[in-house]
Structure formats: structure tokens, C-alpha cells
N, C-alpha and C. Protein backbone atom coordinates (compact mmCIF):
# COMPACT_ATOMS: atom_id res chain seq x y z
N UNK A 1 16.05 1.82 0.06
CA UNK A 1 15.13 2.55 -0.79
C UNK A 1 14.90 1.76 -2.06
N UNK A 2 13.68 1.75 -2.55
CA UNK A 2 13.32 1.00 -3.74
C UNK A 2 13.99 1.60 -4.97
N UNK A 3 14.37 0.74 -5.89
CA UNK A 3 14.98 1.20 -7.12
C UNK A 3 13.96 1.83 -8.04
N UNK A 4 12.74 1.33 -8.01
CA UNK A 4 11.70 1.80 -8.92
C UNK A 4 10.35 1.76 -8.21
N UNK A 5 9.51 2.72 -8.51
CA UNK A 5 8.15 2.74 -7.97
C UNK A 5 7.20 2.62 -9.16
N UNK A 6 6.29 1.65 -9.10
CA UNK A 6 5.28 1.46 -10.14
C UNK A 6 3.93 1.73 -9.51
N UNK A 7 3.08 2.43 -10.26
CA UNK A 7 1.74 2.78 -9.76
C UNK A 7 0.73 2.29 -10.78
N UNK A 8 -0.28 1.57 -10.30
CA UNK A 8 -1.34 1.08 -11.17
C UNK A 8 -2.70 1.40 -10.57
N UNK A 9 -3.65 1.67 -11.46
CA UNK A 9 -5.01 1.94 -10.99
C UNK A 9 -5.99 1.09 -11.78
N UNK A 10 -6.82 0.34 -11.09
CA UNK A 10 -7.86 -0.48 -11.69
C UNK A 10 -9.18 0.29 -11.58
N UNK A 11 -9.63 0.86 -12.70
CA UNK A 11 -10.86 1.67 -12.68
C UNK A 11 -12.08 0.84 -12.28
N UNK A 12 -12.18 -0.37 -12.81
CA UNK A 12 -13.35 -1.21 -12.52
C UNK A 12 -13.43 -1.55 -11.04
N UNK A 13 -12.29 -1.89 -10.43
CA UNK A 13 -12.26 -2.23 -9.01
C UNK A 13 -12.05 -1.04 -8.11
N UNK A 14 -11.69 0.12 -8.70
CA UNK A 14 -11.39 1.35 -7.97
C UNK A 14 -10.30 1.11 -6.93
N UNK A 15 -9.20 0.47 -7.40
CA UNK A 15 -8.10 0.09 -6.52
C UNK A 15 -6.80 0.71 -7.04
N UNK A 16 -6.08 1.37 -6.15
CA UNK A 16 -4.76 1.92 -6.45
C UNK A 16 -3.71 0.99 -5.88
N UNK A 17 -2.73 0.63 -6.70
CA UNK A 17 -1.63 -0.22 -6.27
C UNK A 17 -0.33 0.54 -6.47
N UNK A 18 0.52 0.54 -5.46
CA UNK A 18 1.84 1.15 -5.55
C UNK A 18 2.85 0.07 -5.19
N UNK A 19 3.80 -0.15 -6.08
CA UNK A 19 4.80 -1.19 -5.89
C UNK A 19 6.18 -0.56 -5.76
N UNK A 20 6.97 -1.03 -4.80
CA UNK A 20 8.33 -0.54 -4.59
C UNK A 20 9.31 -1.63 -5.00
N UNK A 21 10.11 -1.35 -6.03
CA UNK A 21 11.12 -2.31 -6.46
C UNK A 21 10.54 -3.49 -7.22
N UNK A 22 11.38 -4.50 -7.39
CA UNK A 22 10.97 -5.72 -8.10
C UNK A 22 9.99 -6.52 -7.25
N UNK A 23 9.05 -7.23 -7.89
CA UNK A 23 8.10 -8.04 -7.14
C UNK A 23 8.79 -9.13 -6.32
N UNK A 24 8.38 -9.25 -5.08
CA UNK A 24 8.86 -10.32 -4.20
C UNK A 24 7.66 -10.86 -3.43
N UNK A 25 7.71 -12.12 -2.97
CA UNK A 25 6.61 -12.64 -2.16
C UNK A 25 6.39 -11.73 -0.94
N UNK A 26 5.14 -11.33 -0.75
CA UNK A 26 4.83 -10.36 0.30
C UNK A 26 3.57 -10.75 1.05
N UNK A 27 3.39 -10.13 2.20
CA UNK A 27 2.18 -10.29 3.00
C UNK A 27 1.61 -8.90 3.25
N UNK A 28 0.28 -8.78 3.22
CA UNK A 28 -0.37 -7.48 3.40
C UNK A 28 -0.95 -7.36 4.80
N UNK A 29 -0.86 -6.14 5.33
CA UNK A 29 -1.42 -5.82 6.64
C UNK A 29 -2.31 -4.58 6.47
N UNK A 30 -3.57 -4.68 6.91
CA UNK A 30 -4.48 -3.54 6.83
C UNK A 30 -4.15 -2.58 7.95
N UNK A 31 -3.73 -1.35 7.60
CA UNK A 31 -3.32 -0.38 8.61
C UNK A 31 -4.39 0.67 8.88
N UNK A 32 -5.27 0.87 7.95
CA UNK A 32 -6.44 1.72 8.07
C UNK A 32 -7.48 1.04 7.19
N UNK A 33 -8.75 1.16 7.50
CA UNK A 33 -9.77 0.47 6.73
C UNK A 33 -9.56 0.68 5.23
N UNK A 34 -9.34 -0.41 4.51
CA UNK A 34 -9.18 -0.37 3.06
C UNK A 34 -7.80 0.06 2.58
N UNK A 35 -6.85 0.24 3.49
CA UNK A 35 -5.48 0.60 3.12
C UNK A 35 -4.54 -0.48 3.66
N UNK A 36 -3.79 -1.07 2.74
CA UNK A 36 -2.92 -2.19 3.09
C UNK A 36 -1.47 -1.86 2.77
N UNK A 37 -0.58 -2.17 3.69
CA UNK A 37 0.85 -2.10 3.44
C UNK A 37 1.32 -3.53 3.21
N UNK A 38 2.15 -3.70 2.18
CA UNK A 38 2.71 -5.02 1.91
C UNK A 38 4.18 -5.01 2.27
N UNK A 39 4.62 -6.10 2.89
CA UNK A 39 6.04 -6.23 3.24
C UNK A 39 6.52 -7.58 2.77
N UNK A 40 7.80 -7.67 2.53
CA UNK A 40 8.42 -8.91 2.10
C UNK A 40 8.24 -9.98 3.18
N UNK A 41 8.00 -11.21 2.76
CA UNK A 41 7.90 -12.29 3.74
C UNK A 41 9.28 -12.69 4.24
N UNK A 42 10.34 -12.26 3.55
CA UNK A 42 11.71 -12.62 3.95
C UNK A 42 12.33 -11.65 4.94
N UNK A 43 11.84 -10.41 4.97
CA UNK A 43 12.32 -9.41 5.92
C UNK A 43 11.19 -8.41 6.11
N UNK A 44 11.47 -7.26 6.65
CA UNK A 44 10.37 -6.32 6.93
C UNK A 44 10.32 -5.13 5.97
N UNK A 45 11.04 -5.20 4.83
CA UNK A 45 11.02 -4.02 3.95
C UNK A 45 9.67 -3.91 3.23
N UNK A 46 9.24 -2.67 3.06
CA UNK A 46 7.96 -2.35 2.44
C UNK A 46 8.04 -2.62 0.94
N UNK A 47 7.06 -3.40 0.43
CA UNK A 47 7.06 -3.73 -0.99
C UNK A 47 5.92 -3.06 -1.75
N UNK A 48 4.93 -2.52 -1.01
CA UNK A 48 3.84 -1.86 -1.72
C UNK A 48 2.74 -1.38 -0.81
N UNK A 49 1.81 -0.67 -1.45
CA UNK A 49 0.63 -0.13 -0.77
C UNK A 49 -0.57 -0.39 -1.68
N UNK A 50 -1.68 -0.78 -1.10
CA UNK A 50 -2.93 -0.96 -1.83
C UNK A 50 -3.99 -0.11 -1.16
N UNK A 51 -4.74 0.65 -1.97
CA UNK A 51 -5.83 1.48 -1.44
C UNK A 51 -7.11 1.09 -2.16
N UNK A 52 -8.08 0.57 -1.42
CA UNK A 52 -9.38 0.20 -1.97
C UNK A 52 -10.31 1.40 -2.02
N UNK A 53 -11.27 1.37 -2.94
CA UNK A 53 -12.29 2.42 -3.07
C UNK A 53 -11.66 3.81 -3.15
N UNK A 54 -10.69 3.95 -4.03
CA UNK A 54 -9.91 5.19 -4.10
C UNK A 54 -10.78 6.42 -4.36
N UNK A 55 -11.64 6.38 -5.36
CA UNK A 55 -12.41 7.59 -5.70
C UNK A 55 -13.47 7.92 -4.65
N UNK A 56 -13.91 6.93 -3.89
CA UNK A 56 -14.85 7.19 -2.81
C UNK A 56 -14.14 7.87 -1.63
N UNK A 57 -12.85 7.59 -1.46
CA UNK A 57 -12.07 8.17 -0.38
C UNK A 57 -11.64 9.60 -0.69
N UNK A 58 -11.30 9.83 -1.94
CA UNK A 58 -10.69 11.11 -2.32
C UNK A 58 -11.46 11.74 -3.46
N UNK A 59 -12.11 12.83 -3.19
CA UNK A 59 -12.84 13.55 -4.24
C UNK A 59 -11.87 14.29 -5.14
N UNK A 60 -10.78 14.80 -4.58
CA UNK A 60 -9.77 15.53 -5.34
C UNK A 60 -8.54 14.64 -5.45
N UNK A 61 -8.41 13.94 -6.58
CA UNK A 61 -7.32 12.98 -6.74
C UNK A 61 -5.97 13.64 -7.01
N UNK A 62 -5.95 14.98 -7.13
CA UNK A 62 -4.68 15.66 -7.33
C UNK A 62 -3.88 15.75 -6.04
N UNK A 63 -4.55 15.74 -4.91
CA UNK A 63 -3.87 15.83 -3.62
C UNK A 63 -4.53 14.85 -2.66
N UNK A 64 -3.76 13.86 -2.22
CA UNK A 64 -4.29 12.84 -1.34
C UNK A 64 -3.50 12.81 -0.05
N UNK A 65 -4.19 12.58 1.05
CA UNK A 65 -3.56 12.42 2.35
C UNK A 65 -4.15 11.18 2.99
N UNK A 66 -3.28 10.27 3.43
CA UNK A 66 -3.75 9.02 4.02
C UNK A 66 -3.19 8.92 5.43
N UNK A 67 -4.04 9.00 6.45
CA UNK A 67 -3.54 8.86 7.83
C UNK A 67 -3.23 7.40 8.12
N UNK A 68 -1.96 7.06 8.28
CA UNK A 68 -1.56 5.68 8.49
C UNK A 68 -1.08 5.38 9.90
N UNK A 69 -0.67 6.38 10.64
CA UNK A 69 -0.12 6.18 11.98
C UNK A 69 0.97 5.12 11.95
N UNK A 70 1.96 5.32 11.08
CA UNK A 70 3.02 4.34 10.90
C UNK A 70 3.83 4.08 12.16
N UNK A 71 3.91 5.05 13.04
CA UNK A 71 4.65 4.82 14.27
C UNK A 71 4.03 3.71 15.10
N UNK A 72 2.73 3.44 14.89
CA UNK A 72 2.05 2.38 15.61
C UNK A 72 2.07 1.07 14.85
N UNK A 73 2.57 1.08 13.62
CA UNK A 73 2.56 -0.11 12.78
C UNK A 73 3.71 -1.02 13.16
N UNK A 74 3.37 -2.23 13.55
CA UNK A 74 4.40 -3.21 13.87
C UNK A 74 4.08 -4.48 13.10
N UNK A 75 5.09 -5.21 12.79
CA UNK A 75 4.94 -6.45 12.06
C UNK A 75 5.20 -7.60 13.00
N UNK A 76 4.23 -8.47 13.11
CA UNK A 76 4.39 -9.64 13.96
C UNK A 76 4.84 -10.80 13.08
N UNK A 77 5.94 -11.40 13.45
CA UNK A 77 6.43 -12.56 12.73
C UNK A 77 5.56 -13.74 13.05
N UNK A 78 5.25 -14.57 12.01
CA UNK A 78 4.41 -15.75 12.22
C UNK A 78 5.23 -17.00 12.09
């Protein structure tokens, strides 16, 4: 489990960034159009989530639901 969660929002780009723990080199995988999960390049732990076009996706920003189908998410080693 991450020690700290940081959340940032770029109004100009309309991008939400969620970071888990200290920054580490990561690779992003698009799991749903415009939604990216980032994982460490050294192992498979989740380091963050990026959501593009946040306000276009969610009219009510107080309650958000993102269908990710994580059970289908697999990481292919390169």
C-alpha cells in the first residue's frame, strides 16, 4: 500500500493525476479511453492514475465512477 497519495488537477489541460507513494520511473497503460494506469518499471506495483478530459467525462465531480475492468488488466513485460 502506498505511503502517501497525491492528487493534482491541471485546469488548462483538464487532466487529473493521482500519484501513489514517492515518484519512481513508471510506464503507463491505457485501460479505458483516456484513462491510464501507471506501474513501476521495476515491478508491477501501481504508481498512479491519469484521467484525461476529466470535466467532459464527469458532470458531477463530487462523485466519480470509472469502469476499469481491472480483472482483465495484465501487464506484459517488455
